[in-house]
PDB file of all heavy atoms in Angstrom:
ATOM      1  N   LEU A   1      11.863 -37.009 -39.779  1.00  0.00           N
ATOM      2  CA  LEU A   1      10.902 -36.169 -40.556  1.00  0.00           C
ATOM      3  C   LEU A   1      11.413 -35.932 -41.895  1.00  0.00           C
ATOM      4  O   LEU A   1      12.564 -35.469 -42.105  1.00  0.00           O
ATOM      5  CB  LEU A   1      10.687 -34.825 -39.820  1.00  0.00           C
ATOM      6  CG  LEU A   1       9.810 -33.789 -40.531  1.00  0.00           C
ATOM      7  CD1 LEU A   1       8.378 -34.366 -40.719  1.00  0.00           C
ATOM      8  CD2 LEU A   1       9.792 -32.500 -39.759  1.00  0.00           C
ATOM      9  N   ILE A   2      10.622 -36.205 -42.922  1.00  0.00           N
ATOM     10  CA  ILE A   2      10.994 -36.008 -44.304  1.00  0.00           C
ATOM     11  C   ILE A   2      10.028 -34.934 -44.908  1.00  0.00           C
ATOM     12  O   ILE A   2       8.806 -35.044 -44.844  1.00  0.00           O
ATOM     13  CB  ILE A   2      10.870 -37.292 -45.168  1.00  0.00           C
ATOM     14  CG1 ILE A   2      11.847 -38.332 -44.607  1.00  0.00           C
ATOM     15  CG2 ILE A   2      11.200 -36.947 -46.611  1.00  0.00           C
ATOM     16  CD1 ILE A   2      11.746 -39.691 -45.356  1.00  0.00           C
ATOM     17  N   ALA A   3      10.624 -33.875 -45.425  1.00  0.00           N
ATOM     18  CA  ALA A   3       9.849 -32.893 -46.159  1.00  0.00           C
ATOM     19  C   ALA A   3       9.534 -33.462 -47.514  1.00  0.00           C
ATOM     20  O   ALA A   3      10.459 -33.896 -48.241  1.00  0.00           O
ATOM     21  CB  ALA A   3      10.626 -31.556 -46.313  1.00  0.00           C
ATOM     22  N   PRO A   4       8.285 -33.494 -47.903  1.00  0.00           N
ATOM     23  CA  PRO A   4       7.920 -34.043 -49.227  1.00  0.00           C
ATOM     24  C   PRO A   4       8.576 -33.233 -50.348  1.00  0.00           C
ATOM     25  O   PRO A   4       8.803 -32.048 -50.196  1.00  0.00           O
ATOM     26  CB  PRO A   4       6.383 -33.924 -49.310  1.00  0.00           C
ATOM     27  CG  PRO A   4       5.946 -33.616 -47.918  1.00  0.00           C
ATOM     28  CD  PRO A   4       7.086 -33.009 -47.176  1.00  0.00           C
ATOM     29  N   PRO A   5       8.855 -33.871 -51.480  1.00  0.00           N
ATOM     30  CA  PRO A   5       9.369 -33.110 -52.569  1.00  0.00           C
ATOM     31  C   PRO A   5       8.325 -32.107 -53.054  1.00  0.00           C
ATOM     32  O   PRO A   5       7.125 -32.374 -52.894  1.00  0.00           O
ATOM     33  CB  PRO A   5       9.678 -34.136 -53.657  1.00  0.00           C
ATOM     34  CG  PRO A   5       8.978 -35.383 -53.274  1.00  0.00           C
ATOM     35  CD  PRO A   5       8.693 -35.296 -51.826  1.00  0.00           C
ATOM     36  N   PRO A   6       8.725 -30.979 -53.583  1.00  0.00           N
ATOM     37  CA  PRO A   6       7.724 -29.968 -54.024  1.00  0.00           C
ATOM     38  C   PRO A   6       6.903 -30.524 -55.178  1.00  0.00           C
ATOM     39  O   PRO A   6       7.375 -31.358 -55.987  1.00  0.00           O
ATOM     40  CB  PRO A   6       8.541 -28.791 -54.464  1.00  0.00           C
ATOM     41  CG  PRO A   6       9.922 -29.295 -54.641  1.00  0.00           C
ATOM     42  CD  PRO A   6      10.107 -30.537 -53.806  1.00  0.00           C
ATOM     43  N   ILE A   7       5.637 -30.111 -55.188  1.00  0.00           N
ATOM     44  CA  ILE A   7       4.782 -30.467 -56.341  1.00  0.00           C
ATOM     45  C   ILE A   7       5.269 -29.717 -57.568  1.00  0.00           C
ATOM     46  O   ILE A   7       6.085 -28.748 -57.436  1.00  0.00           O
ATOM     47  CB  ILE A   7       3.329 -30.244 -56.044  1.00  0.00           C
ATOM     48  CG1 ILE A   7       3.025 -28.721 -55.731  1.00  0.00           C
ATOM     49  CG2 ILE A   7       2.801 -31.108 -54.877  1.00  0.00           C
ATOM     50  CD1 ILE A   7       1.579 -28.375 -55.581  1.00  0.00           C
ATOM     51  N   VAL A   8       4.808 -30.118 -58.700  1.00  0.00           N
ATOM     52  CA  VAL A   8       5.219 -29.503 -59.985  1.00  0.00           C
ATOM     53  C   VAL A   8       3.968 -29.252 -60.800  1.00  0.00           C
ATOM     54  O   VAL A   8       2.879 -29.712 -60.476  1.00  0.00           O
ATOM     55  CB  VAL A   8       6.209 -30.413 -60.800  1.00  0.00           C
ATOM     56  CG1 VAL A   8       7.477 -30.700 -59.970  1.00  0.00           C
ATOM     57  CG2 VAL A   8       5.524 -31.748 -61.154  1.00  0.00           C
ATOM     58  N   PRO A   9       4.066 -28.435 -61.873  1.00  0.00           N
ATOM     59  CA  PRO A   9       2.883 -28.179 -62.684  1.00  0.00           C
ATOM     60  C   PRO A   9       2.301 -29.529 -63.143  1.00  0.00           C
ATOM     61  O   PRO A   9       3.001 -30.446 -63.528  1.00  0.00           O
ATOM     62  CB  PRO A   9       3.440 -27.375 -63.855  1.00  0.00           C
ATOM     63  CG  PRO A   9       4.611 -26.724 -63.316  1.00  0.00           C
ATOM     64  CD  PRO A   9       5.257 -27.678 -62.371  1.00  0.00           C
ATOM     65  N   GLY A  10       0.962 -29.604 -63.015  1.00  0.00           N
ATOM     66  CA  GLY A  10       0.273 -30.835 -63.430  1.00  0.00           C
ATOM     67  C   GLY A  10      -1.245 -30.698 -63.264  1.00  0.00           C
ATOM     68  O   GLY A  10      -1.754 -29.635 -62.880  1.00  0.00           O
ATOM     69  N   ALA A  11      -1.967 -31.761 -63.507  1.00  0.00           N
ATOM     70  CA  ALA A  11      -3.405 -31.744 -63.529  1.00  0.00           C
ATOM     71  C   ALA A  11      -4.040 -31.383 -62.195  1.00  0.00           C
ATOM     72  O   ALA A  11      -5.126 -30.848 -62.155  1.00  0.00           O
ATOM     73  CB  ALA A  11      -3.935 -33.123 -63.989  1.00  0.00           C
ATOM     74  N   TRP A  12      -3.343 -31.663 -61.077  1.00  0.00           N
ATOM     75  CA  TRP A  12      -3.896 -31.394 -59.766  1.00  0.00           C
ATOM     76  C   TRP A  12      -3.385 -30.130 -59.169  1.00  0.00           C
ATOM     77  O   TRP A  12      -3.785 -29.744 -58.056  1.00  0.00           O
ATOM     78  CB  TRP A  12      -3.607 -32.535 -58.788  1.00  0.00           C
ATOM     79  CG  TRP A  12      -4.354 -33.824 -58.999  1.00  0.00           C
ATOM     80  CD1 TRP A  12      -4.960 -34.241 -60.152  1.00  0.00           C
ATOM     81  CD2 TRP A  12      -4.557 -34.859 -58.038  1.00  0.00           C
ATOM     82  NE1 TRP A  12      -5.527 -35.459 -59.987  1.00  0.00           N
ATOM     83  CE2 TRP A  12      -5.251 -35.867 -58.674  1.00  0.00           C
ATOM     84  CE3 TRP A  12      -4.156 -35.011 -56.752  1.00  0.00           C
ATOM     85  CZ2 TRP A  12      -5.602 -37.038 -58.032  1.00  0.00           C
ATOM     86  CZ3 TRP A  12      -4.482 -36.203 -56.122  1.00  0.00           C
ATOM     87  CH2 TRP A  12      -5.239 -37.196 -56.764  1.00  0.00           C
ATOM     88  N   VAL A  13      -2.485 -29.436 -59.870  1.00  0.00           N
ATOM     89  CA  VAL A  13      -1.848 -28.261 -59.328  1.00  0.00           C
ATOM     90  C   VAL A  13      -2.484 -27.018 -59.967  1.00  0.00           C
ATOM     91  O   VAL A  13      -2.492 -26.851 -61.160  1.00  0.00           O
ATOM     92  CB  VAL A  13      -0.341 -28.321 -59.590  1.00  0.00           C
ATOM     93  CG1 VAL A  13       0.336 -27.069 -59.070  1.00  0.00           C
ATOM     94  CG2 VAL A  13       0.260 -29.585 -58.968  1.00  0.00           C
ATOM     95  N   GLU A  14      -2.986 -26.126 -59.104  1.00  0.00           N
ATOM     96  CA  GLU A  14      -3.741 -24.970 -59.576  1.00  0.00           C
ATOM     97  C   GLU A  14      -2.877 -23.835 -59.987  1.00  0.00           C
ATOM     98  O   GLU A  14      -3.328 -22.950 -60.695  1.00  0.00           O
ATOM     99  CB  GLU A  14      -4.763 -24.548 -58.505  1.00  0.00           C
ATOM    100  CG  GLU A  14      -5.804 -25.598 -58.269  1.00  0.00           C
ATOM    101  CD  GLU A  14      -6.770 -25.210 -57.145  1.00  0.00           C
ATOM    102  OE1 GLU A  14      -6.643 -24.093 -56.576  1.00  0.00           O
ATOM    103  OE2 GLU A  14      -7.646 -26.033 -56.854  1.00  0.00           O
ATOM    104  N   GLY A  15      -1.615 -23.789 -59.556  1.00  0.00           N
ATOM    105  CA  GLY A  15      -0.792 -22.665 -59.932  1.00  0.00           C
ATOM    106  C   GLY A  15       0.526 -22.579 -59.190  1.00  0.00           C
ATOM    107  O   GLY A  15       0.787 -23.438 -58.330  1.00  0.00           O
ATOM    108  N   GLN A  16       1.267 -21.594 -59.506  1.00  0.00           N
ATOM    109  CA  GLN A  16       2.616 -21.402 -58.939  1.00  0.00           C
ATOM    110  C   GLN A  16       2.537 -21.203 -57.428  1.00  0.00           C
ATOM    111  O   GLN A  16       3.480 -21.609 -56.716  1.00  0.00           O
ATOM    112  CB  GLN A  16       3.345 -20.224 -59.612  1.00  0.00           C
ATOM    113  CG  GLN A  16       4.781 -20.055 -59.188  1.00  0.00           C
ATOM    114  CD  GLN A  16       5.675 -21.238 -59.586  1.00  0.00           C
ATOM    115  OE1 GLN A  16       5.522 -21.748 -60.664  1.00  0.00           O
ATOM    116  NE2 GLN A  16       6.516 -21.659 -58.680  1.00  0.00           N
ATOM    117  N   GLY A  17       1.471 -20.619 -56.966  1.00  0.00           N
ATOM    118  CA  GLY A  17       1.353 -20.427 -55.479  1.00  0.00           C
ATOM    119  C   GLY A  17       1.399 -21.736 -54.722  1.00  0.00           C
ATOM    120  O   GLY A  17       2.061 -21.812 -53.652  1.00  0.00           O
ATOM    121  N   GLN A  18       0.738 -22.752 -55.253  1.00  0.00           N
ATOM    122  CA  GLN A  18       0.821 -24.061 -54.597  1.00  0.00           C
ATOM    123  C   GLN A  18       2.200 -24.656 -54.608  1.00  0.00           C
ATOM    124  O   GLN A  18       2.680 -25.223 -53.631  1.00  0.00           O
ATOM    125  CB  GLN A  18      -0.207 -25.072 -55.228  1.00  0.00           C
ATOM    126  CG  GLN A  18      -1.611 -24.842 -54.864  1.00  0.00           C
ATOM    127  CD  GLN A  18      -2.552 -25.892 -55.452  1.00  0.00           C
ATOM    128  OE1 GLN A  18      -2.458 -26.197 -56.674  1.00  0.00           O
ATOM    129  NE2 GLN A  18      -3.332 -26.474 -54.650  1.00  0.00           N
ATOM    130  N   ILE A  19       2.882 -24.490 -55.710  1.00  0.00           N
ATOM    131  CA  ILE A  19       4.258 -24.990 -55.826  1.00  0.00           C
ATOM    132  C   ILE A  19       5.132 -24.271 -54.855  1.00  0.00           C
ATOM    133  O   ILE A  19       5.902 -24.897 -54.109  1.00  0.00           O
ATOM    134  CB  ILE A  19       4.749 -24.797 -57.302  1.00  0.00           C
ATOM    135  CG1 ILE A  19       3.938 -25.709 -58.241  1.00  0.00           C
ATOM    136  CG2 ILE A  19       6.256 -25.131 -57.418  1.00  0.00           C
ATOM    137  CD1 ILE A  19       4.121 -25.394 -59.706  1.00  0.00           C
ATOM    138  N   ASP A  20       5.032 -22.912 -54.790  1.00  0.00           N
ATOM    139  CA  ASP A  20       5.800 -22.148 -53.872  1.00  0.00           C
ATOM    140  C   ASP A  20       5.529 -22.525 -52.423  1.00  0.00           C
ATOM    141  O   ASP A  20       6.454 -22.560 -51.594  1.00  0.00           O
ATOM    142  CB  ASP A  20       5.533 -20.634 -54.027  1.00  0.00           C
ATOM    143  CG  ASP A  20       6.003 -20.131 -55.398  1.00  0.00           C
ATOM    144  OD1 ASP A  20       6.824 -20.777 -56.065  1.00  0.00           O
ATOM    145  OD2 ASP A  20       5.517 -19.025 -55.752  1.00  0.00           O
ATOM    146  N   ASP A  21       4.285 -22.853 -52.110  1.00  0.00           N
ATOM    147  CA  ASP A  21       3.929 -23.285 -50.740  1.00  0.00           C
ATOM    148  C   ASP A  21       4.654 -24.593 -50.362  1.00  0.00           C
ATOM    149  O   ASP A  21       5.079 -24.756 -49.229  1.00  0.00           O
ATOM    150  CB  ASP A  21       2.442 -23.444 -50.574  1.00  0.00           C
ATOM    151  CG  ASP A  21       1.694 -22.135 -50.403  1.00  0.00           C
ATOM    152  OD1 ASP A  21       2.372 -21.062 -50.250  1.00  0.00           O
ATOM    153  OD2 ASP A  21       0.456 -22.132 -50.419  1.00  0.00           O
ATOM    154  N   THR A  22       4.771 -25.504 -51.319  1.00  0.00           N
ATOM    155  CA  THR A  22       5.469 -26.747 -50.949  1.00  0.00           C
ATOM    156  C   THR A  22       6.922 -26.536 -50.764  1.00  0.00           C
ATOM    157  O   THR A  22       7.547 -27.243 -49.936  1.00  0.00           O
ATOM    158  CB  THR A  22       5.212 -27.880 -52.039  1.00  0.00           C
ATOM    159  OG1 THR A  22       5.680 -27.443 -53.316  1.00  0.00           O
ATOM    160  CG2 THR A  22       3.726 -28.212 -52.157  1.00  0.00           C
ATOM    161  N   ILE A  23       7.525 -25.588 -51.441  1.00  0.00           N
ATOM    162  CA  ILE A  23       8.936 -25.272 -51.233  1.00  0.00           C
ATOM    163  C   ILE A  23       9.113 -24.595 -49.876  1.00  0.00           C
ATOM    164  O   ILE A  23      10.030 -24.966 -49.132  1.00  0.00           O
ATOM    165  CB  ILE A  23       9.454 -24.367 -52.403  1.00  0.00           C
ATOM    166  CG1 ILE A  23       9.427 -25.170 -53.698  1.00  0.00           C
ATOM    167  CG2 ILE A  23      10.845 -23.840 -52.082  1.00  0.00           C
ATOM    168  CD1 ILE A  23       9.601 -24.311 -54.948  1.00  0.00           C
ATOM    169  N   ALA A  24       8.228 -23.683 -49.529  1.00  0.00           N
ATOM    170  CA  ALA A  24       8.296 -23.010 -48.217  1.00  0.00           C
ATOM    171  C   ALA A  24       8.039 -24.006 -47.091  1.00  0.00           C
ATOM    172  O   ALA A  24       8.666 -23.931 -46.012  1.00  0.00           O
ATOM    173  CB  ALA A  24       7.265 -21.904 -48.169  1.00  0.00           C
ATOM    174  N   TYR A  25       7.160 -24.963 -47.373  1.00  0.00           N
ATOM    175  CA  TYR A  25       6.879 -25.981 -46.310  1.00  0.00           C
ATOM    176  C   TYR A  25       8.120 -26.787 -45.980  1.00  0.00           C
ATOM    177  O   TYR A  25       8.347 -27.118 -44.777  1.00  0.00           O
ATOM    178  CB  TYR A  25       5.727 -26.892 -46.799  1.00  0.00           C
ATOM    179  CG  TYR A  25       5.393 -27.996 -45.794  1.00  0.00           C
ATOM    180  CD1 TYR A  25       4.828 -27.617 -44.555  1.00  0.00           C
ATOM    181  CD2 TYR A  25       5.506 -29.278 -46.117  1.00  0.00           C
ATOM    182  CE1 TYR A  25       4.504 -28.631 -43.656  1.00  0.00           C
ATOM    183  CE2 TYR A  25       5.170 -30.308 -45.207  1.00  0.00           C
ATOM    184  CZ  TYR A  25       4.669 -29.943 -43.974  1.00  0.00           C
ATOM    185  OH  TYR A  25       4.327 -30.929 -43.069  1.00  0.00           O
ATOM    186  N   ALA A  26       8.899 -27.117 -46.939  1.00  0.00           N
ATOM    187  CA  ALA A  26      10.186 -27.834 -46.690  1.00  0.00           C
ATOM    188  C   ALA A  26      11.067 -27.066 -45.710  1.00  0.00           C
ATOM    189  O   ALA A  26      11.643 -27.623 -44.803  1.00  0.00           O
ATOM    190  CB  ALA A  26      10.884 -28.142 -47.976  1.00  0.00           C
ATOM    191  N   ARG A  27      11.124 -25.738 -45.923  1.00  0.00           N
ATOM    192  CA  ARG A  27      11.911 -24.912 -44.983  1.00  0.00           C
ATOM    193  C   ARG A  27      11.303 -24.924 -43.576  1.00  0.00           C
ATOM    194  O   ARG A  27      12.014 -24.995 -42.612  1.00  0.00           O
ATOM    195  CB  ARG A  27      11.977 -23.481 -45.520  1.00  0.00           C
ATOM    196  CG  ARG A  27      12.881 -23.325 -46.779  1.00  0.00           C
ATOM    197  CD  ARG A  27      13.155 -21.894 -47.098  1.00  0.00           C
ATOM    198  NE  ARG A  27      11.972 -21.099 -47.398  1.00  0.00           N
ATOM    199  CZ  ARG A  27      11.434 -20.983 -48.620  1.00  0.00           C
ATOM    200  NH1 ARG A  27      12.003 -21.585 -49.649  1.00  0.00           N
ATOM    201  NH2 ARG A  27      10.355 -20.219 -48.785  1.00  0.00           N
ATOM    202  N   CYS A  28       9.977 -24.911 -43.514  1.00  0.00           N
ATOM    203  CA  CYS A  28       9.312 -24.999 -42.189  1.00  0.00           C
ATOM    204  C   CYS A  28       9.592 -26.337 -41.527  1.00  0.00           C
ATOM    205  O   CYS A  28       9.847 -26.379 -40.308  1.00  0.00           O
ATOM    206  CB  CYS A  28       7.812 -24.809 -42.378  1.00  0.00           C
ATOM    207  SG  CYS A  28       7.257 -23.165 -42.895  1.00  0.00           S
ATOM    208  N   CYS A  29       9.607 -27.426 -42.305  1.00  0.00           N
ATOM    209  CA  CYS A  29       9.883 -28.741 -41.761  1.00  0.00           C
ATOM    210  C   CYS A  29      11.314 -28.786 -41.216  1.00  0.00           C
ATOM    211  O   CYS A  29      11.583 -29.386 -40.156  1.00  0.00           O
ATOM    212  CB  CYS A  29       9.661 -29.838 -42.809  1.00  0.00           C
ATOM    213  SG  CYS A  29       7.902 -30.130 -43.167  1.00  0.00           S
ATOM    214  N   ARG A  30      12.233 -28.243 -41.979  1.00  0.00           N
ATOM    215  CA  ARG A  30      13.644 -28.247 -41.544  1.00  0.00           C
ATOM    216  C   ARG A  30      13.766 -27.521 -40.167  1.00  0.00           C
ATOM    217  O   ARG A  30      14.373 -27.968 -39.236  1.00  0.00           O
ATOM    218  CB  ARG A  30      14.556 -27.601 -42.541  1.00  0.00           C
ATOM    219  CG  ARG A  30      16.002 -27.535 -42.161  1.00  0.00           C
ATOM    220  CD  ARG A  30      16.888 -26.855 -43.188  1.00  0.00           C
ATOM    221  NE  ARG A  30      16.860 -27.498 -44.495  1.00  0.00           N
ATOM    222  CZ  ARG A  30      17.547 -28.605 -44.855  1.00  0.00           C
ATOM    223  NH1 ARG A  30      18.351 -29.152 -43.980  1.00  0.00           N
ATOM    224  NH2 ARG A  30      17.452 -29.064 -46.036  1.00  0.00           N
ATOM    225  N   ALA A  31      13.147 -26.335 -40.105  1.00  0.00           N
ATOM    226  CA  ALA A  31      13.213 -25.519 -38.853  1.00  0.00           C
ATOM    227  C   ALA A  31      12.553 -26.279 -37.701  1.00  0.00           C
ATOM    228  O   ALA A  31      13.037 -26.281 -36.579  1.00  0.00           O
ATOM    229  CB  ALA A  31      12.551 -24.175 -39.089  1.00  0.00           C
ATOM    230  N   LEU A  32      11.428 -26.932 -37.971  1.00  0.00           N
ATOM    231  CA  LEU A  32      10.738 -27.684 -36.969  1.00  0.00           C
ATOM    232  C   LEU A  32      11.614 -28.835 -36.439  1.00  0.00           C
ATOM    233  O   LEU A  32      11.699 -29.039 -35.223  1.00  0.00           O
ATOM    234  CB  LEU A  32       9.411 -28.232 -37.496  1.00  0.00           C
ATOM    235  CG  LEU A  32       8.580 -29.156 -36.612  1.00  0.00           C
ATOM    236  CD1 LEU A  32       8.202 -28.435 -35.315  1.00  0.00           C
ATOM    237  CD2 LEU A  32       7.359 -29.676 -37.334  1.00  0.00           C
ATOM    238  N   ALA A  33      12.172 -29.574 -37.317  1.00  0.00           N
ATOM    239  CA  ALA A  33      13.056 -30.708 -36.939  1.00  0.00           C
ATOM    240  C   ALA A  33      14.238 -30.211 -36.090  1.00  0.00           C
ATOM    241  O   ALA A  33      14.595 -30.842 -35.089  1.00  0.00           O
ATOM    242  CB  ALA A  33      13.544 -31.423 -38.170  1.00  0.00           C
ATOM    243  N   GLN A  34      14.817 -29.099 -36.497  1.00  0.00           N
ATOM    244  CA  GLN A  34      15.933 -28.548 -35.705  1.00  0.00           C
ATOM    245  C   GLN A  34      15.476 -28.149 -34.298  1.00  0.00           C
ATOM    246  O   GLN A  34      16.150 -28.399 -33.315  1.00  0.00           O
ATOM    247  CB  GLN A  34      16.547 -27.323 -36.424  1.00  0.00           C
ATOM    248  CG  GLN A  34      17.377 -27.695 -37.661  1.00  0.00           C
ATOM    249  CD  GLN A  34      17.866 -26.483 -38.425  1.00  0.00           C
ATOM    250  OE1 GLN A  34      17.282 -25.399 -38.375  1.00  0.00           O
ATOM    251  NE2 GLN A  34      18.940 -26.679 -39.191  1.00  0.00           N
ATOM    252  N   ARG A  35      14.314 -27.505 -34.222  1.00  0.00           N
ATOM    253  CA  ARG A  35      13.795 -27.072 -32.915  1.00  0.00           C
ATOM    254  C   ARG A  35      13.505 -28.233 -32.025  1.00  0.00           C
ATOM    255  O   ARG A  35      13.716 -28.209 -30.839  1.00  0.00           O
ATOM    256  CB  ARG A  35      12.586 -26.202 -33.142  1.00  0.00           C
ATOM    257  CG  ARG A  35      12.142 -25.513 -31.889  1.00  0.00           C
ATOM    258  CD  ARG A  35      11.003 -24.524 -32.105  1.00  0.00           C
ATOM    259  NE  ARG A  35       9.807 -25.059 -32.739  1.00  0.00           N
ATOM    260  CZ  ARG A  35       8.972 -25.870 -32.165  1.00  0.00           C
ATOM    261  NH1 ARG A  35       9.157 -26.319 -30.904  1.00  0.00           N
ATOM    262  NH2 ARG A  35       7.887 -26.299 -32.808  1.00  0.00           N
ATOM    263  N   LEU A  36      12.921 -29.337 -32.625  1.00  0.00           N
ATOM    264  CA  LEU A  36      12.584 -30.518 -31.849  1.00  0.00           C
ATOM    265  C   LEU A  36      13.728 -31.439 -31.588  1.00  0.00           C
ATOM    266  O   LEU A  36      13.628 -32.391 -30.773  1.00  0.00           O
ATOM    267  CB  LEU A  36      11.439 -31.265 -32.531  1.00  0.00           C
ATOM    268  CG  LEU A  36      10.084 -30.555 -32.672  1.00  0.00           C
ATOM    269  CD1 LEU A  36       9.127 -31.456 -33.423  1.00  0.00           C
ATOM    270  CD2 LEU A  36       9.535 -30.160 -31.311  1.00  0.00           C
TER     271      LEU A  36
END
């Protein structure tokens, strides 16, 4: 399982909340992989 790199400010990114979500998602993926 690979956590995608976080998104960055750009044309498709609506704000810091989306960026923060991708960073938090990587932590969720790490925990999921450990659990599985």
